[in-house]
Amino acid sequence: MIVENKLIENIVVGTFPKNIKIDLNMAKEMVNERLEFQNGKDYPVLIYANGFKIDTFEAREYMKKEGLKGMKAGAFVVRNSIEKMIATFFIKISPPPIPAKVFIDDKQAIEWLKQYR
């Protein structure tokens, strides 16, 4: 298991290992693990990013398409305002087909996701 997934208040909460670098094979494994965990049901998803980095172009493209399966909305919790600015920039230049937002405070992220349950 790469990402620890939990179900809290009908929201999938995924916690990445600190500073993990994700390649295509790892991206596929993570998505499959989450989809198995969700057991065919769509959920809003909270992601504790912990400084993860998608390391290859192929992994980024895979995550943009396949990585969103089963997600009603996605909230990313990052460690600081610099990470928030970078992640928000990427969401704005390449908007996903689901609602997505970046937070530093996990309580705010959960409150935002509750509207998508």
N, C-alpha and C. Protein backbone atom coordinates (compact mmCIF):
# COMPACT_ATOMS: atom_id res chain seq x y z
N MET A 1 0.85 -1.18 0.00
CA MET A 1 0.00 0.00 0.00
C MET A 1 0.90 1.25 0.00
N ILE A 2 0.63 2.13 -0.96
CA ILE A 2 1.43 3.35 -1.07
C ILE A 2 0.79 4.48 -0.28
N VAL A 3 -0.51 4.71 -0.52
CA VAL A 3 -1.25 5.78 0.14
C VAL A 3 -2.18 5.14 1.16
N GLU A 4 -2.19 5.69 2.37
CA GLU A 4 -3.11 5.19 3.39
C GLU A 4 -4.47 5.83 3.15
N ASN A 5 -5.49 5.02 2.88
CA ASN A 5 -6.85 5.51 2.64
C ASN A 5 -7.75 5.18 3.82
N LYS A 6 -8.57 6.17 4.20
CA LYS A 6 -9.57 5.99 5.26
C LYS A 6 -10.86 6.62 4.77
N LEU A 7 -11.97 6.21 5.34
CA LEU A 7 -13.26 6.84 5.07
C LEU A 7 -13.69 7.56 6.34
N ILE A 8 -13.78 8.89 6.25
CA ILE A 8 -14.16 9.72 7.39
C ILE A 8 -15.29 10.64 6.95
N GLU A 9 -16.43 10.53 7.62
CA GLU A 9 -17.60 11.36 7.31
C GLU A 9 -17.98 11.28 5.83
N ASN A 10 -17.89 10.09 5.26
CA ASN A 10 -18.23 9.84 3.86
C ASN A 10 -17.30 10.58 2.88
N ILE A 11 -16.08 10.80 3.32
CA ILE A 11 -15.02 11.40 2.50
C ILE A 11 -13.83 10.46 2.56
N VAL A 12 -13.26 10.13 1.40
CA VAL A 12 -12.04 9.32 1.38
C VAL A 12 -10.88 10.24 1.72
N VAL A 13 -10.09 9.83 2.70
CA VAL A 13 -8.93 10.60 3.12
C VAL A 13 -7.69 9.78 2.79
N GLY A 14 -6.86 10.31 1.90
CA GLY A 14 -5.63 9.63 1.49
C GLY A 14 -4.41 10.38 1.99
N THR A 15 -3.50 9.66 2.64
CA THR A 15 -2.28 10.28 3.15
C THR A 15 -1.08 9.68 2.43
N PHE A 16 -0.35 10.55 1.73
CA PHE A 16 0.84 10.14 1.00
C PHE A 16 2.03 10.06 1.95
N PRO A 17 2.98 9.15 1.69
CA PRO A 17 4.23 9.17 2.44
C PRO A 17 4.95 10.50 2.16
N LYS A 18 5.74 10.96 3.11
CA LYS A 18 6.44 12.24 2.95
C LYS A 18 7.39 12.21 1.76
N ASN A 19 7.31 13.28 0.95
CA ASN A 19 8.23 13.56 -0.15
C ASN A 19 8.37 12.42 -1.16
N ILE A 20 7.32 11.66 -1.36
CA ILE A 20 7.38 10.54 -2.31
C ILE A 20 7.42 11.06 -3.74
N LYS A 21 8.18 10.39 -4.58
CA LYS A 21 8.24 10.71 -6.01
C LYS A 21 7.48 9.61 -6.75
N ILE A 22 6.48 10.02 -7.52
CA ILE A 22 5.55 9.08 -8.14
C ILE A 22 5.86 8.92 -9.62
N ASP A 23 6.13 7.67 -10.02
CA ASP A 23 6.31 7.37 -11.45
C ASP A 23 5.02 6.72 -11.96
N LEU A 24 4.99 6.33 -13.22
CA LEU A 24 3.77 5.80 -13.82
C LEU A 24 3.28 4.53 -13.12
N ASN A 25 4.16 3.58 -12.86
CA ASN A 25 3.74 2.34 -12.20
C ASN A 25 3.15 2.60 -10.82
N MET A 26 3.78 3.50 -10.08
CA MET A 26 3.30 3.83 -8.75
C MET A 26 1.94 4.54 -8.84
N ALA A 27 1.78 5.42 -9.82
CA ALA A 27 0.51 6.12 -10.02
C ALA A 27 -0.61 5.11 -10.28
N LYS A 28 -0.35 4.15 -11.14
CA LYS A 28 -1.35 3.13 -11.44
C LYS A 28 -1.71 2.33 -10.19
N GLU A 29 -0.72 1.95 -9.43
CA GLU A 29 -0.95 1.18 -8.21
C GLU A 29 -1.78 1.99 -7.20
N MET A 30 -1.45 3.28 -7.04
CA MET A 30 -2.18 4.12 -6.10
C MET A 30 -3.65 4.27 -6.49
N VAL A 31 -3.91 4.50 -7.76
CA VAL A 31 -5.28 4.66 -8.23
C VAL A 31 -6.05 3.35 -8.04
N ASN A 32 -5.45 2.23 -8.40
CA ASN A 32 -6.11 0.93 -8.21
C ASN A 32 -6.42 0.66 -6.75
N GLU A 33 -5.47 0.98 -5.86
CA GLU A 33 -5.70 0.78 -4.43
C GLU A 33 -6.88 1.62 -3.94
N ARG A 34 -6.94 2.89 -4.37
CA ARG A 34 -8.03 3.76 -3.94
C ARG A 34 -9.37 3.27 -4.48
N LEU A 35 -9.40 2.88 -5.75
CA LEU A 35 -10.65 2.40 -6.34
C LEU A 35 -11.14 1.12 -5.65
N GLU A 36 -10.22 0.24 -5.32
CA GLU A 36 -10.59 -0.97 -4.57
C GLU A 36 -11.16 -0.60 -3.21
N PHE A 37 -10.50 0.35 -2.56
CA PHE A 37 -10.95 0.82 -1.24
C PHE A 37 -12.37 1.39 -1.34
N GLN A 38 -12.66 2.11 -2.42
CA GLN A 38 -13.96 2.75 -2.60
C GLN A 38 -15.05 1.76 -3.02
N ASN A 39 -14.66 0.58 -3.45
CA ASN A 39 -15.60 -0.50 -3.75
C ASN A 39 -16.71 -0.07 -4.71
N GLY A 40 -16.33 0.65 -5.78
CA GLY A 40 -17.30 1.01 -6.82
C GLY A 40 -18.12 2.25 -6.54
N LYS A 41 -17.92 2.90 -5.42
CA LYS A 41 -18.69 4.09 -5.07
C LYS A 41 -17.83 5.34 -5.27
N ASP A 42 -18.46 6.42 -5.75
CA ASP A 42 -17.76 7.70 -5.91
C ASP A 42 -17.82 8.49 -4.60
N TYR A 43 -16.71 9.17 -4.28
CA TYR A 43 -16.61 9.96 -3.05
C TYR A 43 -15.86 11.26 -3.34
N PRO A 44 -16.07 12.27 -2.49
CA PRO A 44 -15.11 13.36 -2.46
C PRO A 44 -13.84 12.83 -1.79
N VAL A 45 -12.69 13.36 -2.20
CA VAL A 45 -11.42 12.84 -1.72
C VAL A 45 -10.56 13.97 -1.15
N LEU A 46 -10.05 13.76 0.05
CA LEU A 46 -9.12 14.66 0.70
C LEU A 46 -7.74 14.03 0.61
N ILE A 47 -6.77 14.76 0.11
CA ILE A 47 -5.42 14.22 -0.07
C ILE A 47 -4.44 15.02 0.78
N TYR A 48 -3.79 14.34 1.72
CA TYR A 48 -2.68 14.93 2.46
C TYR A 48 -1.44 14.71 1.60
N ALA A 49 -1.00 15.76 0.92
CA ALA A 49 0.04 15.64 -0.10
C ALA A 49 1.42 15.33 0.49
N ASN A 50 1.76 15.90 1.63
CA ASN A 50 3.05 15.64 2.29
C ASN A 50 4.26 15.82 1.37
N GLY A 51 4.17 16.79 0.46
CA GLY A 51 5.30 17.09 -0.42
C GLY A 51 5.51 16.10 -1.54
N PHE A 52 4.46 15.34 -1.93
CA PHE A 52 4.64 14.38 -3.01
C PHE A 52 4.95 15.09 -4.32
N LYS A 53 5.60 14.39 -5.21
CA LYS A 53 5.92 14.93 -6.52
C LYS A 53 5.64 13.86 -7.57
N ILE A 54 4.89 14.25 -8.61
CA ILE A 54 4.68 13.33 -9.72
C ILE A 54 5.88 13.50 -10.63
N ASP A 55 6.66 12.46 -10.74
CA ASP A 55 8.03 12.52 -11.25
C ASP A 55 8.17 12.45 -12.77
N THR A 56 7.17 11.95 -13.49
CA THR A 56 7.32 11.80 -14.93
C THR A 56 6.11 12.37 -15.66
N PHE A 57 6.29 12.73 -16.91
CA PHE A 57 5.21 13.22 -17.75
C PHE A 57 4.10 12.18 -17.85
N GLU A 58 4.48 10.92 -18.06
CA GLU A 58 3.50 9.84 -18.20
C GLU A 58 2.65 9.69 -16.93
N ALA A 59 3.28 9.81 -15.78
CA ALA A 59 2.54 9.70 -14.52
C ALA A 59 1.58 10.88 -14.36
N ARG A 60 2.01 12.08 -14.73
CA ARG A 60 1.13 13.26 -14.65
C ARG A 60 -0.08 13.09 -15.56
N GLU A 61 0.15 12.64 -16.79
CA GLU A 61 -0.95 12.45 -17.74
C GLU A 61 -1.92 11.37 -17.23
N TYR A 62 -1.38 10.30 -16.68
CA TYR A 62 -2.21 9.22 -16.14
C TYR A 62 -3.07 9.75 -14.99
N MET A 63 -2.46 10.51 -14.09
CA MET A 63 -3.19 11.03 -12.93
C MET A 63 -4.27 12.02 -13.35
N LYS A 64 -4.03 12.79 -14.42
CA LYS A 64 -5.03 13.75 -14.90
C LYS A 64 -6.25 13.05 -15.45
N LYS A 65 -6.07 11.87 -16.01
CA LYS A 65 -7.19 11.15 -16.63
C LYS A 65 -7.71 10.06 -15.70
N GLU A 66 -6.92 9.05 -15.49
CA GLU A 66 -7.35 7.87 -14.71
C GLU A 66 -7.39 8.15 -13.21
N GLY A 67 -6.55 9.04 -12.75
CA GLY A 67 -6.44 9.31 -11.31
C GLY A 67 -7.67 9.94 -10.70
N LEU A 68 -8.56 10.47 -11.54
CA LEU A 68 -9.76 11.13 -11.04
C LEU A 68 -10.98 10.21 -10.98
N LYS A 69 -10.82 8.99 -11.46
CA LYS A 69 -11.94 8.05 -11.43
C LYS A 69 -12.41 7.86 -9.99
N GLY A 70 -13.73 7.83 -9.83
CA GLY A 70 -14.29 7.59 -8.51
C GLY A 70 -14.27 8.80 -7.59
N MET A 71 -13.83 9.95 -8.10
CA MET A 71 -13.75 11.16 -7.28
C MET A 71 -14.86 12.14 -7.68
N LYS A 72 -15.63 12.59 -6.69
CA LYS A 72 -16.63 13.63 -6.93
C LYS A 72 -15.99 15.02 -6.87
N ALA A 73 -14.98 15.16 -6.02
CA ALA A 73 -14.23 16.41 -5.85
C ALA A 73 -12.93 16.05 -5.16
N GLY A 74 -11.94 16.93 -5.27
CA GLY A 74 -10.65 16.67 -4.64
C GLY A 74 -10.13 17.88 -3.91
N ALA A 75 -9.73 17.68 -2.67
CA ALA A 75 -9.10 18.73 -1.87
C ALA A 75 -7.70 18.26 -1.52
N PHE A 76 -6.72 19.11 -1.76
CA PHE A 76 -5.34 18.81 -1.44
C PHE A 76 -4.94 19.62 -0.22
N VAL A 77 -4.41 18.96 0.80
CA VAL A 77 -3.88 19.66 1.96
C VAL A 77 -2.36 19.64 1.84
N VAL A 78 -1.79 20.85 1.78
CA VAL A 78 -0.34 21.00 1.62
C VAL A 78 0.25 21.59 2.90
N ARG A 79 1.57 21.64 2.96
CA ARG A 79 2.25 21.99 4.19
C ARG A 79 2.44 23.48 4.43
N ASN A 80 2.45 24.29 3.37
CA ASN A 80 2.73 25.71 3.57
C ASN A 80 2.18 26.54 2.41
N SER A 81 2.29 27.85 2.53
CA SER A 81 1.70 28.74 1.53
C SER A 81 2.40 28.66 0.18
N ILE A 82 3.68 28.31 0.15
CA ILE A 82 4.39 28.17 -1.12
C ILE A 82 3.85 26.96 -1.89
N GLU A 83 3.71 25.83 -1.21
CA GLU A 83 3.13 24.65 -1.85
C GLU A 83 1.69 24.93 -2.29
N LYS A 84 0.95 25.70 -1.50
CA LYS A 84 -0.42 26.03 -1.87
C LYS A 84 -0.44 26.86 -3.14
N MET A 85 0.44 27.83 -3.23
CA MET A 85 0.50 28.69 -4.41
C MET A 85 0.85 27.88 -5.66
N ILE A 86 1.81 26.98 -5.55
CA ILE A 86 2.22 26.15 -6.70
C ILE A 86 1.09 25.23 -7.13
N ALA A 87 0.48 24.54 -6.17
CA ALA A 87 -0.60 23.59 -6.49
C ALA A 87 -1.81 24.32 -7.08
N THR A 88 -2.14 25.47 -6.53
CA THR A 88 -3.27 26.26 -7.04
C THR A 88 -2.99 26.70 -8.48
N PHE A 89 -1.75 27.09 -8.75
CA PHE A 89 -1.36 27.49 -10.10
C PHE A 89 -1.59 26.34 -11.09
N PHE A 90 -1.17 25.13 -10.73
CA PHE A 90 -1.34 23.98 -11.62
C PHE A 90 -2.82 23.66 -11.85
N ILE A 91 -3.63 23.82 -10.83
CA ILE A 91 -5.07 23.57 -10.99
C ILE A 91 -5.68 24.61 -11.93
N LYS A 92 -5.19 25.85 -11.84
CA LYS A 92 -5.74 26.91 -12.70
C LYS A 92 -5.30 26.77 -14.15
N ILE A 93 -4.06 26.35 -14.40
CA ILE A 93 -3.61 26.26 -15.79
C ILE A 93 -4.09 24.98 -16.46
N SER A 94 -4.41 23.97 -15.67
CA SER A 94 -4.90 22.71 -16.22
C SER A 94 -6.04 22.20 -15.34
N PRO A 95 -7.21 22.88 -15.42
CA PRO A 95 -8.30 22.52 -14.51
C PRO A 95 -8.80 21.10 -14.72
N PRO A 96 -8.97 20.37 -13.62
CA PRO A 96 -9.52 19.02 -13.72
C PRO A 96 -11.02 19.09 -13.99
N PRO A 97 -11.61 17.98 -14.44
CA PRO A 97 -13.05 17.96 -14.72
C PRO A 97 -13.93 17.83 -13.47
N ILE A 98 -13.31 17.81 -12.31
CA ILE A 98 -14.05 17.77 -11.05
C ILE A 98 -13.65 19.00 -10.23
N PRO A 99 -14.49 19.41 -9.28
CA PRO A 99 -14.08 20.51 -8.40
C PRO A 99 -12.80 20.13 -7.65
N ALA A 100 -11.86 21.06 -7.59
CA ALA A 100 -10.59 20.81 -6.90
C ALA A 100 -10.11 22.10 -6.25
N LYS A 101 -9.55 21.96 -5.06
CA LYS A 101 -9.09 23.13 -4.33
C LYS A 101 -7.93 22.73 -3.43
N VAL A 102 -7.07 23.69 -3.12
CA VAL A 102 -5.89 23.45 -2.29
C VAL A 102 -6.06 24.18 -0.95
N PHE A 103 -5.68 23.50 0.12
CA PHE A 103 -5.82 24.05 1.47
C PHE A 103 -4.54 23.81 2.26
N ILE A 104 -4.36 24.64 3.27
CA ILE A 104 -3.33 24.38 4.28
C ILE A 104 -4.00 23.78 5.52
N ASP A 105 -5.22 24.21 5.79
CA ASP A 105 -5.98 23.75 6.95
C ASP A 105 -6.91 22.60 6.57
N ASP A 106 -6.73 21.44 7.18
CA ASP A 106 -7.54 20.28 6.81
C ASP A 106 -9.01 20.42 7.22
N LYS A 107 -9.29 21.17 8.28
CA LYS A 107 -10.69 21.37 8.67
C LYS A 107 -11.44 22.15 7.60
N GLN A 108 -10.80 23.14 7.01
CA GLN A 108 -11.42 23.90 5.92
C GLN A 108 -11.63 23.00 4.70
N ALA A 109 -10.67 22.14 4.43
CA ALA A 109 -10.78 21.22 3.30
C ALA A 109 -11.97 20.28 3.48
N ILE A 110 -12.12 19.74 4.68
CA ILE A 110 -13.23 18.83 4.96
C ILE A 110 -14.56 19.56 4.82
N GLU A 111 -14.65 20.75 5.36
CA GLU A 111 -15.90 21.53 5.25
C GLU A 111 -16.24 21.79 3.78
N TRP A 112 -15.25 22.11 2.96
CA TRP A 112 -15.48 22.35 1.54
C TRP A 112 -15.96 21.07 0.86
N LEU A 113 -15.35 19.94 1.19
CA LEU A 113 -15.70 18.66 0.55
C LEU A 113 -17.10 18.16 0.95
N LYS A 114 -17.58 18.54 2.10
CA LYS A 114 -18.88 18.04 2.57
C LYS A 114 -20.00 18.35 1.59
N GLN A 115 -19.88 19.41 0.82
CA GLN A 115 -20.93 19.76 -0.15
C GLN A 115 -20.99 18.75 -1.31
N TYR A 116 -19.97 17.92 -1.47
CA TYR A 116 -19.92 16.96 -2.58
C TYR A 116 -20.22 15.53 -2.17
N ARG A 117 -20.60 15.31 -0.91
CA ARG A 117 -20.88 13.95 -0.43
C ARG A 117 -22.11 13.36 -1.06
